[in-house]
Amino acid sequence: MEVKIGITDSPRELVFSSSQTPDEVEEAVDAAVRAGSGLLGLTDERGRRFLIHAAKIAYIEIGAADARRVGFGIGGESKVGRHAGKAATSG
């Protein structure tokens, strides 16, 4: 599952994949925010631990990880192929 955390006064998001369930992440966030000056601790799939000061959390997005597309989009029609086909049939 992908977790995105926006941090105040920071131009970048913290984005990582977690093996925790959405409910576990939500409970951890809720507990950290309720503690006032507490830390939010989350762990990614590799076992790295992220500690974020709860007062600095701007937003958290919890969702399924997007399948990242790598490559040249096999199966798509190329512009060269379309134009070449028209030229060959036009006469």
N, C-alpha and C. Protein backbone atom coordinates (compact mmCIF):
# COMPACT_ATOMS: atom_id res chain seq x y z
N MET A 1 0.84 -1.16 0.00
CA MET A 1 0.00 0.00 0.00
C MET A 1 0.89 1.24 0.00
N GLU A 2 0.49 2.24 -0.76
CA GLU A 2 1.27 3.48 -0.85
C GLU A 2 0.79 4.49 0.18
N VAL A 3 1.75 5.14 0.83
CA VAL A 3 1.45 6.18 1.81
C VAL A 3 2.16 7.45 1.36
N LYS A 4 1.41 8.56 1.29
CA LYS A 4 1.97 9.88 0.97
C LYS A 4 1.71 10.79 2.16
N ILE A 5 2.77 11.45 2.62
CA ILE A 5 2.62 12.35 3.76
C ILE A 5 3.14 13.72 3.35
N GLY A 6 2.26 14.71 3.43
CA GLY A 6 2.65 16.09 3.20
C GLY A 6 3.10 16.69 4.52
N ILE A 7 4.23 17.37 4.50
CA ILE A 7 4.80 17.94 5.71
C ILE A 7 4.84 19.46 5.55
N THR A 8 4.35 20.17 6.56
CA THR A 8 4.32 21.63 6.49
C THR A 8 5.73 22.17 6.37
N ASP A 9 5.87 23.27 5.64
CA ASP A 9 7.15 23.94 5.40
C ASP A 9 8.14 23.07 4.64
N SER A 10 7.64 22.09 3.89
CA SER A 10 8.50 21.23 3.08
C SER A 10 7.88 21.11 1.69
N PRO A 11 8.66 21.36 0.63
CA PRO A 11 8.09 21.31 -0.72
C PRO A 11 7.86 19.88 -1.23
N ARG A 12 8.41 18.89 -0.54
CA ARG A 12 8.30 17.51 -1.01
C ARG A 12 7.42 16.68 -0.10
N GLU A 13 6.82 15.65 -0.69
CA GLU A 13 6.04 14.68 0.07
C GLU A 13 6.95 13.52 0.46
N LEU A 14 6.60 12.86 1.53
CA LEU A 14 7.24 11.61 1.89
C LEU A 14 6.36 10.51 1.32
N VAL A 15 6.89 9.72 0.38
CA VAL A 15 6.11 8.68 -0.29
C VAL A 15 6.84 7.36 -0.13
N PHE A 16 6.12 6.35 0.34
CA PHE A 16 6.73 5.03 0.49
C PHE A 16 5.64 3.96 0.46
N SER A 17 6.05 2.73 0.22
CA SER A 17 5.14 1.59 0.24
C SER A 17 5.22 0.94 1.61
N SER A 18 4.06 0.65 2.17
CA SER A 18 4.01 0.08 3.51
C SER A 18 3.27 -1.25 3.48
N SER A 19 3.70 -2.16 4.34
CA SER A 19 2.99 -3.43 4.47
C SER A 19 1.88 -3.33 5.52
N GLN A 20 1.78 -2.18 6.19
CA GLN A 20 0.72 -1.95 7.15
C GLN A 20 -0.60 -1.77 6.41
N THR A 21 -1.69 -2.12 7.07
CA THR A 21 -3.01 -1.94 6.47
C THR A 21 -3.42 -0.48 6.57
N PRO A 22 -4.38 -0.04 5.75
CA PRO A 22 -4.87 1.34 5.87
C PRO A 22 -5.38 1.65 7.28
N ASP A 23 -6.05 0.69 7.90
CA ASP A 23 -6.56 0.91 9.26
C ASP A 23 -5.42 1.10 10.26
N GLU A 24 -4.35 0.32 10.12
CA GLU A 24 -3.20 0.46 11.02
C GLU A 24 -2.55 1.83 10.87
N VAL A 25 -2.42 2.28 9.63
CA VAL A 25 -1.82 3.60 9.39
C VAL A 25 -2.72 4.68 9.98
N GLU A 26 -4.01 4.58 9.75
CA GLU A 26 -4.94 5.58 10.27
C GLU A 26 -4.92 5.62 11.80
N GLU A 27 -4.86 4.46 12.43
CA GLU A 27 -4.80 4.41 13.90
C GLU A 27 -3.51 5.04 14.42
N ALA A 28 -2.40 4.78 13.75
CA ALA A 28 -1.12 5.36 14.17
C ALA A 28 -1.14 6.88 14.03
N VAL A 29 -1.72 7.37 12.93
CA VAL A 29 -1.82 8.82 12.72
C VAL A 29 -2.71 9.44 13.78
N ASP A 30 -3.85 8.83 14.02
CA ASP A 30 -4.79 9.35 15.01
C ASP A 30 -4.15 9.42 16.40
N ALA A 31 -3.44 8.38 16.79
CA ALA A 31 -2.79 8.36 18.10
C ALA A 31 -1.71 9.43 18.20
N ALA A 32 -0.93 9.62 17.14
CA ALA A 32 0.14 10.62 17.15
C ALA A 32 -0.43 12.04 17.21
N VAL A 33 -1.50 12.29 16.48
CA VAL A 33 -2.10 13.63 16.47
C VAL A 33 -2.75 13.92 17.82
N ARG A 34 -3.41 12.93 18.40
CA ARG A 34 -4.04 13.12 19.71
C ARG A 34 -3.02 13.38 20.81
N ALA A 35 -1.81 12.85 20.65
CA ALA A 35 -0.77 13.03 21.66
C ALA A 35 -0.24 14.46 21.66
N GLY A 36 -0.64 15.26 20.68
CA GLY A 36 -0.21 16.66 20.62
C GLY A 36 1.17 16.82 20.04
N SER A 37 2.18 16.66 20.85
CA SER A 37 3.55 16.84 20.38
C SER A 37 4.22 15.49 20.11
N GLY A 38 3.42 14.47 19.80
CA GLY A 38 3.95 13.13 19.58
C GLY A 38 4.57 12.94 18.21
N LEU A 39 5.17 11.79 18.04
CA LEU A 39 5.76 11.41 16.77
C LEU A 39 4.90 10.34 16.12
N LEU A 40 4.78 10.44 14.81
CA LEU A 40 4.13 9.40 14.02
C LEU A 40 5.23 8.48 13.53
N GLY A 41 5.11 7.20 13.82
CA GLY A 41 6.09 6.22 13.37
C GLY A 41 5.45 5.24 12.42
N LEU A 42 5.98 5.15 11.20
CA LEU A 42 5.50 4.20 10.20
C LEU A 42 6.69 3.44 9.62
N THR A 43 6.43 2.23 9.15
CA THR A 43 7.49 1.39 8.61
C THR A 43 7.17 1.04 7.17
N ASP A 44 8.21 1.10 6.30
CA ASP A 44 7.98 0.74 4.90
C ASP A 44 8.19 -0.75 4.69
N GLU A 45 8.02 -1.22 3.46
CA GLU A 45 8.13 -2.64 3.14
C GLU A 45 9.53 -3.19 3.36
N ARG A 46 10.54 -2.34 3.33
CA ARG A 46 11.93 -2.77 3.53
C ARG A 46 12.34 -2.77 5.00
N GLY A 47 11.44 -2.34 5.86
CA GLY A 47 11.75 -2.30 7.28
C GLY A 47 12.30 -0.97 7.76
N ARG A 48 12.40 0.02 6.86
CA ARG A 48 12.86 1.35 7.28
C ARG A 48 11.77 2.02 8.09
N ARG A 49 12.16 2.71 9.13
CA ARG A 49 11.19 3.37 10.03
C ARG A 49 11.23 4.87 9.77
N PHE A 50 10.05 5.47 9.59
CA PHE A 50 9.92 6.90 9.37
C PHE A 50 9.26 7.51 10.60
N LEU A 51 9.88 8.54 11.16
CA LEU A 51 9.33 9.25 12.31
C LEU A 51 9.05 10.68 11.88
N ILE A 52 7.82 11.10 12.02
CA ILE A 52 7.40 12.44 11.60
C ILE A 52 6.77 13.13 12.80
N HIS A 53 7.17 14.36 13.04
CA HIS A 53 6.58 15.14 14.12
C HIS A 53 5.11 15.37 13.77
N ALA A 54 4.21 14.92 14.62
CA ALA A 54 2.77 14.95 14.32
C ALA A 54 2.25 16.35 14.04
N ALA A 55 2.81 17.35 14.70
CA ALA A 55 2.35 18.73 14.50
C ALA A 55 2.71 19.27 13.12
N LYS A 56 3.64 18.63 12.42
CA LYS A 56 4.08 19.08 11.10
C LYS A 56 3.36 18.38 9.95
N ILE A 57 2.45 17.47 10.26
CA ILE A 57 1.73 16.74 9.21
C ILE A 57 0.67 17.64 8.60
N ALA A 58 0.78 17.86 7.28
CA ALA A 58 -0.22 18.66 6.56
C ALA A 58 -1.37 17.77 6.08
N TYR A 59 -1.03 16.60 5.53
CA TYR A 59 -2.04 15.65 5.07
C TYR A 59 -1.40 14.29 4.90
N ILE A 60 -2.24 13.27 4.85
CA ILE A 60 -1.78 11.91 4.60
C ILE A 60 -2.73 11.28 3.60
N GLU A 61 -2.16 10.68 2.57
CA GLU A 61 -2.95 9.97 1.56
C GLU A 61 -2.60 8.49 1.67
N ILE A 62 -3.61 7.67 1.87
CA ILE A 62 -3.42 6.24 2.02
C ILE A 62 -4.15 5.56 0.88
N GLY A 63 -3.45 4.73 0.12
CA GLY A 63 -4.11 4.07 -0.99
C GLY A 63 -3.28 2.96 -1.59
N ALA A 64 -3.88 2.29 -2.54
CA ALA A 64 -3.19 1.22 -3.25
C ALA A 64 -2.06 1.80 -4.07
N ALA A 65 -0.95 1.10 -4.13
CA ALA A 65 0.18 1.54 -4.92
C ALA A 65 -0.16 1.43 -6.40
N ASP A 66 0.15 2.48 -7.16
CA ASP A 66 -0.06 2.45 -8.60
C ASP A 66 1.00 1.58 -9.23
N ALA A 67 0.60 0.81 -10.23
CA ALA A 67 1.58 0.05 -10.98
C ALA A 67 2.37 1.03 -11.84
N ARG A 68 3.65 1.08 -11.62
CA ARG A 68 4.47 2.03 -12.37
C ARG A 68 4.74 1.47 -13.75
N ARG A 69 4.53 2.30 -14.74
CA ARG A 69 4.72 1.86 -16.12
C ARG A 69 6.14 2.18 -16.55
N VAL A 70 6.79 1.17 -17.07
CA VAL A 70 8.15 1.32 -17.53
C VAL A 70 8.20 0.81 -18.96
N GLY A 71 8.87 1.54 -19.83
CA GLY A 71 9.02 1.07 -21.19
C GLY A 71 8.36 1.98 -22.20
N PHE A 72 8.03 1.41 -23.33
CA PHE A 72 7.55 2.20 -24.45
C PHE A 72 6.10 1.95 -24.80
N GLY A 73 5.31 1.38 -23.94
CA GLY A 73 3.88 1.20 -24.21
C GLY A 73 3.62 0.21 -25.33
N ILE A 74 4.02 -1.01 -25.16
CA ILE A 74 3.82 -2.06 -26.17
C ILE A 74 2.33 -2.24 -26.42
N GLY A 75 1.97 -2.40 -27.66
CA GLY A 75 0.58 -2.61 -28.02
C GLY A 75 -0.10 -1.36 -28.53
N GLY A 76 0.53 -0.23 -28.32
CA GLY A 76 -0.04 1.03 -28.81
C GLY A 76 0.28 1.21 -30.28
N GLU A 77 -0.53 1.97 -30.95
CA GLU A 77 -0.32 2.22 -32.37
C GLU A 77 0.64 3.38 -32.53
N SER A 78 1.66 3.22 -33.33
CA SER A 78 2.62 4.30 -33.51
C SER A 78 2.17 5.22 -34.63
N LYS A 79 2.58 6.46 -34.56
CA LYS A 79 2.21 7.43 -35.60
C LYS A 79 2.84 7.06 -36.93
N VAL A 80 4.05 6.55 -36.88
CA VAL A 80 4.73 6.17 -38.11
C VAL A 80 3.95 5.06 -38.81
N GLY A 81 3.48 4.08 -38.04
CA GLY A 81 2.72 2.97 -38.61
C GLY A 81 1.42 3.42 -39.24
N ARG A 82 0.74 4.38 -38.62
CA ARG A 82 -0.53 4.86 -39.17
C ARG A 82 -0.31 5.61 -40.46
N HIS A 83 0.67 6.50 -40.49
CA HIS A 83 0.92 7.30 -41.69
C HIS A 83 1.46 6.43 -42.82
N ALA A 84 2.31 5.50 -42.48
CA ALA A 84 2.86 4.63 -43.51
C ALA A 84 1.76 3.79 -44.14
N GLY A 85 0.81 3.32 -43.32
CA GLY A 85 -0.30 2.52 -43.84
C GLY A 85 -1.18 3.33 -44.77
N LYS A 86 -1.45 4.58 -44.44
CA LYS A 86 -2.29 5.43 -45.28
C LYS A 86 -1.59 5.74 -46.59
N ALA A 87 -0.30 5.99 -46.51
CA ALA A 87 0.44 6.32 -47.73
C ALA A 87 0.47 5.12 -48.67
N ALA A 88 0.60 3.94 -48.12
CA ALA A 88 0.69 2.74 -48.95
C ALA A 88 -0.65 2.44 -49.61
N THR A 89 -1.76 2.78 -48.96
CA THR A 89 -3.06 2.46 -49.53
C THR A 89 -3.62 3.57 -50.40
N SER A 90 -3.04 4.77 -50.31
CA SER A 90 -3.61 5.89 -51.05
C SER A 90 -3.19 5.89 -52.51
N GLY A 91 -2.32 5.06 -52.86
CA GLY A 91 -2.16 4.97 -54.25
C GLY A 91 -0.94 5.05 -54.94
